[in-house]
Amino acid sequence: MKIRPLIIDFPQAKIDDIFRRIRSFDWAGMAAAEGWSNGTDVAFLRDLTQYWVETYDWRASIKDIGRFHHQLATIDGIDLHFIRSKTARTSQVPLVLIHGWPGSFFDFLKIADRLGDDDGEVVIISIPGFPFSGRPPAPIGPRLIANLIDKLMVQGLGYQRYLAHGGDWGSIIATRLGHEHADHCAGIHLTMVSARLVAAHAASEEDKAWLSAFMTRFEDDGGYFRLQSTRPQTIGYALQDSPVGFAAWLVEKYAAWADVARDAAGRPDLFSAISRDELLTSIMLFLATDSVATSTWIYRGFARENPVALPPGERVNVPVAVTAFADKAFPITPRGLVEKVYNVVDWSVKDSGGHFPALEVPDLLAAELRRFMKNYAPLP
């Protein structure tokens, strides 16, 4: 396995072109369905775009990202980007952090800053097709991504045992690690349990009420999922071509899924949870690395993994810790239902945090991960 340092550098012409396209967006020709009920609010996006071109400092953001130890590993022909909190293998059991969509490795940098030397090594993964990782030749799903991560940890970095954490897609990938690579993955920590992995087991009234609430929300909010699961290439052309359009696609999800208050008109106080600079850096990473379209491929890859749930009668038997953060968009899965599929050894419910706890409440998530590593890491 070839592992090499990643030098972070973007041609100025590339960045200039992105900002040229932002400035040239035809706001006068843009129809305005006011408010958020139809998608990203025009006034909000226009204000954000003005900040983007007049105040936001991309170079400063990239310099800060460059503080970390970035590497690339070529595994089965795919370049996998990862960040190591330590420059060499240690005797401690490491923790793998796996992001979701619309996030990236960037989500976890505040967590890496908060977990110190005594907490063991942290390895932050970039899913293939996302910023800094290579693009697979075709859409791939969580099962294959888990295989790549396991090979990185064992063959590439020399660890025979590791822990894994994930939310959103990261929770499904971590589930695959705990189920199919239990000889190496010693335990998993989740901040979300996918309905698609447990829905078939919903039997109690509580389970059915939760599933009904989930499906009601998904009926209103799930258009992105259906499109990216079926025709990601089609939407990819539009999103790749327009930085403002791509920003609208992501901002709508951050605004809908973050744990923020809304005023009487439904306007979200998004920047109380995620700063403008954090939001724009997340967006810019996709644009600057040409991973706008390929980041949606995981949805198509997941749809092609049949079955998407674990085989009947099988479950995740490694220790599983769940921290359920308050999430208006994704109702917390009942513990009893989760226990039908997972060996739950730790369950914690928080009254804040939203869908992006690594960005929204990094101190709280870091404390949960530190406790997980202390309690469930096997002896090296």
Protein backbone atom coordinates (compact mmCIF):
# COMPACT_ATOMS: atom_id res chain seq x y z
CA MET A 1 0.00 0.00 0.00
CA LYS A 2 1.42 3.37 -1.02
CA ILE A 3 1.07 6.11 1.60
CA ARG A 4 2.36 9.60 0.93
CA PRO A 5 1.99 13.12 2.34
CA LEU A 6 -0.70 15.32 0.84
CA ILE A 7 0.50 18.79 -0.08
CA ILE A 8 -2.47 21.15 0.08
CA ASP A 9 -2.20 23.66 -2.72
CA PHE A 10 -4.75 25.09 -5.13
CA PRO A 11 -3.90 26.98 -8.31
CA GLN A 12 -4.94 30.59 -7.91
CA ALA A 13 -6.63 30.43 -11.32
CA LYS A 14 -8.94 27.72 -9.94
CA ILE A 15 -9.96 29.80 -6.94
CA ASP A 16 -10.32 32.94 -9.05
CA ASP A 17 -12.69 31.10 -11.39
CA ILE A 18 -14.88 29.95 -8.49
CA PHE A 19 -15.19 33.52 -7.23
CA ARG A 20 -15.81 34.81 -10.75
CA ARG A 21 -18.78 32.47 -11.06
CA ILE A 22 -20.10 33.52 -7.65
CA ARG A 23 -19.96 37.19 -8.63
CA SER A 24 -21.59 36.58 -12.00
CA PHE A 25 -24.68 34.83 -10.61
CA ASP A 26 -27.80 36.44 -12.09
CA TRP A 27 -29.72 37.44 -8.98
CA ALA A 28 -32.04 39.67 -11.00
CA GLY A 29 -33.19 36.69 -13.03
CA MET A 30 -33.62 34.42 -10.02
CA ALA A 31 -37.22 33.74 -9.04
CA ALA A 32 -37.86 34.45 -5.38
CA ALA A 33 -40.17 32.14 -3.47
CA GLU A 34 -39.67 33.96 -0.20
CA GLY A 35 -39.00 32.14 3.03
CA TRP A 36 -37.60 28.67 3.70
CA SER A 37 -40.64 26.48 3.04
CA ASN A 38 -39.67 26.05 -0.62
CA GLY A 39 -35.93 25.65 -0.02
CA THR A 40 -33.04 28.01 0.68
CA ASP A 41 -34.27 31.55 1.26
CA VAL A 42 -33.13 34.03 -1.40
CA ALA A 43 -32.34 36.85 1.01
CA PHE A 44 -30.30 34.56 3.27
CA LEU A 45 -28.29 33.15 0.37
CA ARG A 46 -27.68 36.54 -1.16
CA ASP A 47 -26.36 37.90 2.14
CA LEU A 48 -24.14 34.85 2.55
CA THR A 49 -22.85 35.24 -1.00
CA GLN A 50 -22.00 38.88 -0.37
CA TYR A 51 -19.99 37.85 2.69
CA TRP A 52 -18.37 35.09 0.62
CA VAL A 53 -16.93 37.45 -1.99
CA GLU A 54 -16.26 40.49 0.21
CA THR A 55 -15.10 39.17 3.60
CA TYR A 56 -14.46 35.42 3.67
CA ASP A 57 -10.74 34.51 3.65
CA TRP A 58 -10.23 31.21 1.81
CA ARG A 59 -6.45 31.30 2.13
CA ALA A 60 -6.62 31.71 5.91
CA SER A 61 -9.00 28.76 6.12
CA ILE A 62 -6.71 26.55 4.05
CA LYS A 63 -3.71 27.60 6.13
CA ASP A 64 -5.55 26.48 9.26
CA ILE A 65 -6.49 23.16 7.65
CA GLY A 66 -2.83 22.70 6.75
CA ARG A 67 -1.90 22.51 10.45
CA PHE A 68 -2.89 18.87 10.40
CA HIS A 69 -0.98 15.84 9.14
CA HIS A 70 -2.65 15.02 5.82
CA GLN A 71 -1.83 11.83 3.93
CA LEU A 72 -3.05 9.82 0.96
CA ALA A 73 -3.15 6.03 0.76
CA THR A 74 -3.76 4.25 -2.53
CA ILE A 75 -5.97 1.25 -1.75
CA ASP A 76 -7.44 -0.95 -4.48
CA GLY A 77 -6.77 1.83 -6.96
CA ILE A 78 -8.55 4.54 -4.92
CA ASP A 79 -6.75 7.40 -3.18
CA LEU A 80 -8.04 7.67 0.39
CA HIS A 81 -7.28 10.91 2.23
CA PHE A 82 -6.85 10.79 5.97
CA ILE A 83 -5.53 12.92 8.81
CA ARG A 84 -3.48 11.53 11.68
CA SER A 85 -3.32 13.23 15.04
CA LYS A 86 0.05 11.55 15.56
CA THR A 87 2.86 11.06 13.06
CA ALA A 88 3.67 7.47 14.03
CA ARG A 89 1.85 4.40 15.28
CA THR A 90 1.34 4.30 19.04
CA SER A 91 0.58 1.51 21.51
CA GLN A 92 -2.89 2.95 22.13
CA VAL A 93 -5.96 1.82 20.22
CA PRO A 94 -6.82 4.53 17.66
CA LEU A 95 -10.20 6.06 16.92
CA VAL A 96 -11.37 6.43 13.31
CA LEU A 97 -13.69 9.38 12.63
CA ILE A 98 -15.97 9.08 9.59
CA HIS A 99 -18.05 11.98 8.29
CA GLY A 100 -21.30 12.09 6.33
CA TRP A 101 -22.95 14.33 3.75
CA PRO A 102 -22.98 17.30 3.32
CA GLY A 103 -19.90 17.23 5.53
CA SER A 104 -16.27 16.26 5.04
CA PHE A 105 -13.13 15.65 7.08
CA PHE A 106 -13.35 19.36 7.97
CA ASP A 107 -16.21 18.60 10.38
CA PHE A 108 -13.84 16.78 12.74
CA LEU A 109 -10.94 19.23 12.98
CA LYS A 110 -12.34 20.79 16.15
CA ILE A 111 -12.60 17.29 17.62
CA ALA A 112 -8.96 16.56 16.77
CA ASP A 113 -7.99 19.78 18.54
CA ARG A 114 -9.87 18.71 21.66
CA LEU A 115 -8.60 15.13 21.99
CA GLY A 116 -5.12 15.27 23.49
CA ASP A 117 -2.11 12.99 23.55
CA ASP A 118 -3.52 10.93 26.42
CA ASP A 119 -6.59 10.04 24.36
CA GLY A 120 -4.80 7.98 21.74
CA GLU A 121 -4.43 8.52 18.03
CA VAL A 122 -7.31 9.92 16.00
CA VAL A 123 -7.55 9.11 12.28
CA ILE A 124 -9.97 11.28 10.29
CA ILE A 125 -11.15 9.68 7.05
CA SER A 126 -12.31 11.38 3.84
CA ILE A 127 -14.90 9.21 2.09
CA PRO A 128 -13.93 8.49 -1.56
CA GLY A 129 -15.40 11.15 -3.82
CA PHE A 130 -15.25 13.78 -1.05
CA PRO A 131 -12.64 16.55 -0.63
CA PHE A 132 -9.01 15.38 -0.89
CA SER A 133 -9.87 11.71 -1.49
CA GLY A 134 -9.80 10.37 -5.02
CA ARG A 135 -12.91 9.75 -7.02
CA PRO A 136 -13.86 6.09 -7.50
CA PRO A 137 -14.45 4.96 -11.09
CA ALA A 138 -18.14 4.47 -10.27
CA PRO A 139 -20.41 5.03 -7.26
CA ILE A 140 -19.49 2.90 -4.24
CA GLY A 141 -21.38 2.39 -1.00
CA PRO A 142 -20.67 2.02 2.73
CA ARG A 143 -19.72 -1.67 2.56
CA LEU A 144 -16.85 -1.12 0.13
CA ILE A 145 -15.80 2.09 1.87
CA ALA A 146 -15.57 0.15 5.15
CA ASN A 147 -13.32 -2.37 3.41
CA LEU A 148 -10.98 0.43 2.33
CA ILE A 149 -10.84 1.91 5.83
CA ASP A 150 -10.10 -1.46 7.41
CA LYS A 151 -7.26 -2.03 4.95
CA LEU A 152 -5.86 1.42 5.73
CA MET A 153 -5.89 0.84 9.48
CA VAL A 154 -4.49 -2.70 9.41
CA GLN A 155 -2.29 -2.95 6.33
CA GLY A 156 -1.40 0.71 5.95
CA LEU A 157 -1.00 1.99 9.51
CA GLY A 158 -0.26 -1.32 11.22
CA TYR A 159 -3.06 -1.34 13.79
CA GLN A 160 -4.66 -4.70 14.48
CA ARG A 161 -7.40 -3.14 16.61
CA TYR A 162 -9.21 0.19 16.32
CA LEU A 163 -12.43 1.95 17.28
CA ALA A 164 -14.72 3.83 14.89
CA HIS A 165 -17.10 6.76 15.19
CA GLY A 166 -19.62 8.11 12.73
CA GLY A 167 -22.78 10.09 12.20
CA ASP A 168 -24.90 10.27 9.06
CA TRP A 169 -23.10 8.14 6.41
CA GLY A 170 -20.30 7.67 8.90
CA SER A 171 -22.68 5.76 11.17
CA ILE A 172 -23.53 3.30 8.40
CA ILE A 173 -19.87 2.86 7.46
CA ALA A 174 -18.96 2.36 11.13
CA THR A 175 -21.75 -0.21 11.37
CA ARG A 176 -20.19 -2.12 8.47
CA LEU A 177 -16.82 -1.99 10.22
CA GLY A 178 -18.32 -3.35 13.44
CA HIS A 179 -20.26 -6.07 11.63
CA GLU A 180 -17.93 -7.25 8.88
CA HIS A 181 -14.53 -6.35 10.33
CA ALA A 182 -15.06 -7.23 13.98
CA ASP A 183 -11.69 -8.98 14.05
CA HIS A 184 -10.13 -5.51 13.81
CA CYS A 185 -12.88 -3.04 14.76
CA ALA A 186 -13.20 -3.35 18.52
CA GLY A 187 -16.21 -1.08 18.99
CA ILE A 188 -18.20 1.72 17.40
CA HIS A 189 -19.65 5.01 18.60
CA LEU A 190 -22.64 6.44 16.72
CA THR A 191 -24.46 9.76 16.81
CA MET A 192 -27.15 8.51 14.43
CA VAL A 193 -28.71 5.12 13.79
CA SER A 194 -29.97 4.84 10.22
CA ALA A 195 -33.64 3.97 9.87
CA ARG A 196 -32.75 1.75 6.93
CA LEU A 197 -30.76 -0.55 9.20
CA VAL A 198 -33.44 -1.04 11.86
CA ALA A 199 -36.85 -0.25 10.30
CA ALA A 200 -37.64 -3.89 9.51
CA HIS A 201 -37.51 -4.66 13.24
CA ALA A 202 -40.01 -1.98 14.32
CA ALA A 203 -42.69 -3.85 16.31
CA SER A 204 -43.63 -1.93 19.46
CA GLU A 205 -45.94 1.07 19.49
CA GLU A 206 -42.94 3.28 20.29
CA ASP A 207 -41.03 1.86 17.33
CA LYS A 208 -43.96 2.37 14.97
CA ALA A 209 -44.55 5.93 16.16
CA TRP A 210 -40.88 6.76 15.62
CA LEU A 211 -40.89 5.19 12.15
CA SER A 212 -44.04 7.09 11.21
CA ALA A 213 -42.47 10.37 12.35
CA PHE A 214 -39.33 9.59 10.39
CA MET A 215 -41.26 8.80 7.22
CA THR A 216 -43.35 11.96 7.56
CA ARG A 217 -40.21 14.05 7.79
CA PHE A 218 -38.58 12.15 4.95
CA GLU A 219 -41.60 12.72 2.71
CA ASP A 220 -41.08 16.46 3.12
CA ASP A 221 -37.28 16.57 3.25
CA GLY A 222 -36.11 13.53 1.30
CA GLY A 223 -36.05 14.84 -2.27
CA TYR A 224 -32.27 15.20 -2.16
CA PHE A 225 -31.95 11.54 -1.08
CA ARG A 226 -34.11 10.21 -3.89
CA LEU A 227 -32.33 12.27 -6.52
CA GLN A 228 -28.82 11.47 -5.32
CA SER A 229 -29.71 7.79 -4.95
CA THR A 230 -31.07 7.49 -8.48
CA ARG A 231 -29.61 10.18 -10.78
CA PRO A 232 -26.59 11.75 -9.08
CA GLN A 233 -24.87 12.42 -12.37
CA THR A 234 -27.76 14.54 -13.62
CA ILE A 235 -27.85 16.90 -10.65
CA GLY A 236 -24.05 16.84 -10.57
CA TYR A 237 -23.76 18.93 -13.74
CA ALA A 238 -25.79 21.78 -12.27
CA LEU A 239 -24.17 21.70 -8.84
CA GLN A 240 -20.64 21.50 -10.23
CA ASP A 241 -21.25 24.40 -12.60
CA SER A 242 -22.74 26.89 -10.13
CA PRO A 243 -21.04 27.65 -6.80
CA VAL A 244 -24.12 29.62 -5.72
CA GLY A 245 -26.41 26.75 -6.70
CA PHE A 246 -24.24 24.26 -4.82
CA ALA A 247 -24.20 26.54 -1.78
CA ALA A 248 -28.01 26.65 -1.86
CA TRP A 249 -28.12 22.82 -2.05
CA LEU A 250 -25.97 22.48 1.09
CA VAL A 251 -27.18 25.50 3.06
CA GLU A 252 -30.75 24.20 2.98
CA LYS A 253 -29.63 21.01 4.73
CA TYR A 254 -27.47 22.77 7.31
CA ALA A 255 -30.37 25.09 8.11
CA ALA A 256 -32.88 22.23 8.31
CA TRP A 257 -30.74 19.79 10.29
CA ALA A 258 -28.78 21.97 12.73
CA ASP A 259 -30.14 22.40 16.24
CA VAL A 260 -31.10 26.08 15.93
CA ALA A 261 -34.06 28.23 16.80
CA ARG A 262 -36.37 29.70 14.16
CA ASP A 263 -38.28 32.95 14.36
CA ALA A 264 -42.00 33.37 13.72
CA ALA A 265 -41.36 33.55 9.98
CA GLY A 266 -39.41 30.27 10.03
CA ARG A 267 -35.99 31.86 9.56
CA PRO A 268 -33.26 29.69 11.15
CA ASP A 269 -30.59 31.16 13.38
CA LEU A 270 -28.01 29.01 11.60
CA PHE A 271 -24.93 31.00 12.53
CA SER A 272 -25.59 30.46 16.23
CA ALA A 273 -24.48 26.85 15.64
CA ILE A 274 -22.16 26.96 12.62
CA SER A 275 -20.21 30.08 11.71
CA ARG A 276 -20.25 31.69 8.29
CA ASP A 277 -16.60 30.85 7.79
CA GLU A 278 -17.13 27.20 8.74
CA LEU A 279 -20.06 26.92 6.37
CA LEU A 280 -18.21 28.56 3.48
CA THR A 281 -15.06 26.52 4.05
CA SER A 282 -17.16 23.35 3.92
CA ILE A 283 -18.65 24.51 0.61
CA MET A 284 -15.35 25.71 -0.85
CA LEU A 285 -13.59 22.41 -0.15
CA PHE A 286 -16.00 20.62 -2.47
CA LEU A 287 -15.72 23.29 -5.17
CA ALA A 288 -11.94 23.57 -5.06
CA THR A 289 -11.40 19.79 -5.21
CA ASP A 290 -13.99 19.11 -7.94
CA SER A 291 -15.84 16.74 -5.62
CA VAL A 292 -19.27 18.36 -5.77
CA ALA A 293 -20.76 15.69 -8.01
CA THR A 294 -18.82 12.68 -6.72
CA SER A 295 -19.76 13.40 -3.11
CA THR A 296 -23.33 12.45 -4.01
CA TRP A 297 -22.26 9.09 -5.43
CA ILE A 298 -22.36 7.39 -2.03
CA TYR A 299 -26.16 7.59 -2.19
CA ARG A 300 -26.20 5.70 -5.48
CA GLY A 301 -23.62 3.24 -4.18
CA PHE A 302 -25.75 2.59 -1.10
CA ALA A 303 -28.83 1.98 -3.22
CA ARG A 304 -26.92 -0.64 -5.18
CA GLU A 305 -25.79 -2.50 -2.05
CA ASN A 306 -28.54 -5.05 -1.79
CA PRO A 307 -29.62 -5.63 0.88
CA VAL A 308 -28.76 -2.32 2.53
CA ALA A 309 -29.61 -3.70 5.99
CA LEU A 310 -27.77 -6.51 7.75
CA PRO A 311 -28.77 -10.05 6.74
CA PRO A 312 -31.76 -11.45 8.68
CA GLY A 313 -30.77 -12.73 12.09
CA GLU A 314 -27.41 -10.94 12.14
CA ARG A 315 -26.44 -8.02 14.33
CA VAL A 316 -23.46 -5.90 15.31
CA ASN A 317 -21.89 -7.75 18.23
CA VAL A 318 -18.95 -5.47 19.03
CA PRO A 319 -19.61 -2.93 21.81
CA VAL A 320 -21.76 -0.09 20.49
CA ALA A 321 -22.09 3.29 22.19
CA VAL A 322 -24.75 5.74 21.05
CA THR A 323 -24.86 9.44 21.83
CA ALA A 324 -28.21 10.74 20.61
CA PHE A 325 -28.05 14.50 20.18
CA ALA A 326 -31.28 16.50 19.94
CA ASP A 327 -32.10 16.48 16.24
CA LYS A 328 -35.27 18.11 14.93
CA ALA A 329 -34.84 16.60 11.47
CA PHE A 330 -33.96 13.02 12.44
CA PRO A 331 -36.01 11.75 15.41
CA ILE A 332 -33.91 9.77 17.89
CA THR A 333 -34.26 6.06 17.21
CA PRO A 334 -35.76 4.20 20.21
CA ARG A 335 -33.14 2.34 22.19
CA GLY A 336 -35.16 -0.87 22.24
CA LEU A 337 -35.27 -0.89 18.46
CA VAL A 338 -31.55 -0.17 18.16
CA GLU A 339 -30.78 -3.05 20.52
CA LYS A 340 -32.39 -5.49 18.11
CA VAL A 341 -29.55 -4.84 15.66
CA TYR A 342 -26.71 -3.50 17.82
CA ASN A 343 -24.96 -4.65 21.00
CA VAL A 344 -25.63 -1.39 22.84
CA VAL A 345 -23.39 -1.02 25.88
CA ASP A 346 -23.71 2.74 26.35
CA TRP A 347 -26.63 5.07 25.61
CA SER A 348 -26.65 8.81 26.17
CA VAL A 349 -29.26 11.38 25.11
CA LYS A 350 -28.34 15.07 24.87
CA ASP A 351 -30.73 18.00 24.74
CA SER A 352 -28.71 19.88 22.11
CA GLY A 353 -26.30 19.16 19.29
CA GLY A 354 -28.33 18.66 16.13
CA HIS A 355 -27.23 16.62 13.15
CA PHE A 356 -23.72 18.12 13.07
CA PRO A 357 -22.45 17.77 16.66
CA ALA A 358 -18.78 17.90 15.63
CA LEU A 359 -19.41 21.44 14.38
CA GLU A 360 -22.25 22.48 16.68
CA VAL A 361 -21.15 21.12 20.08
CA PRO A 362 -17.52 19.95 19.68
CA ASP A 363 -16.76 20.05 23.40
CA LEU A 364 -19.70 17.78 24.17
CA LEU A 365 -18.91 15.31 21.39
CA ALA A 366 -15.21 15.25 22.28
CA ALA A 367 -16.10 14.40 25.88
CA GLU A 368 -18.35 11.56 24.71
CA LEU A 369 -15.62 10.19 22.43
CA ARG A 370 -13.02 10.45 25.18
CA ARG A 371 -15.30 8.46 27.50
CA PHE A 372 -15.92 5.90 24.77
CA MET A 373 -12.20 5.44 24.14
CA LYS A 374 -11.44 5.13 27.83
CA ASN A 375 -14.19 2.62 28.57
CA TYR A 376 -14.23 0.44 25.48
CA ALA A 377 -10.79 0.44 23.90
CA PRO A 378 -9.31 -3.07 24.27
CA LEU A 379 -5.91 -3.47 25.83
CA PRO A 380 -3.22 -2.91 23.17
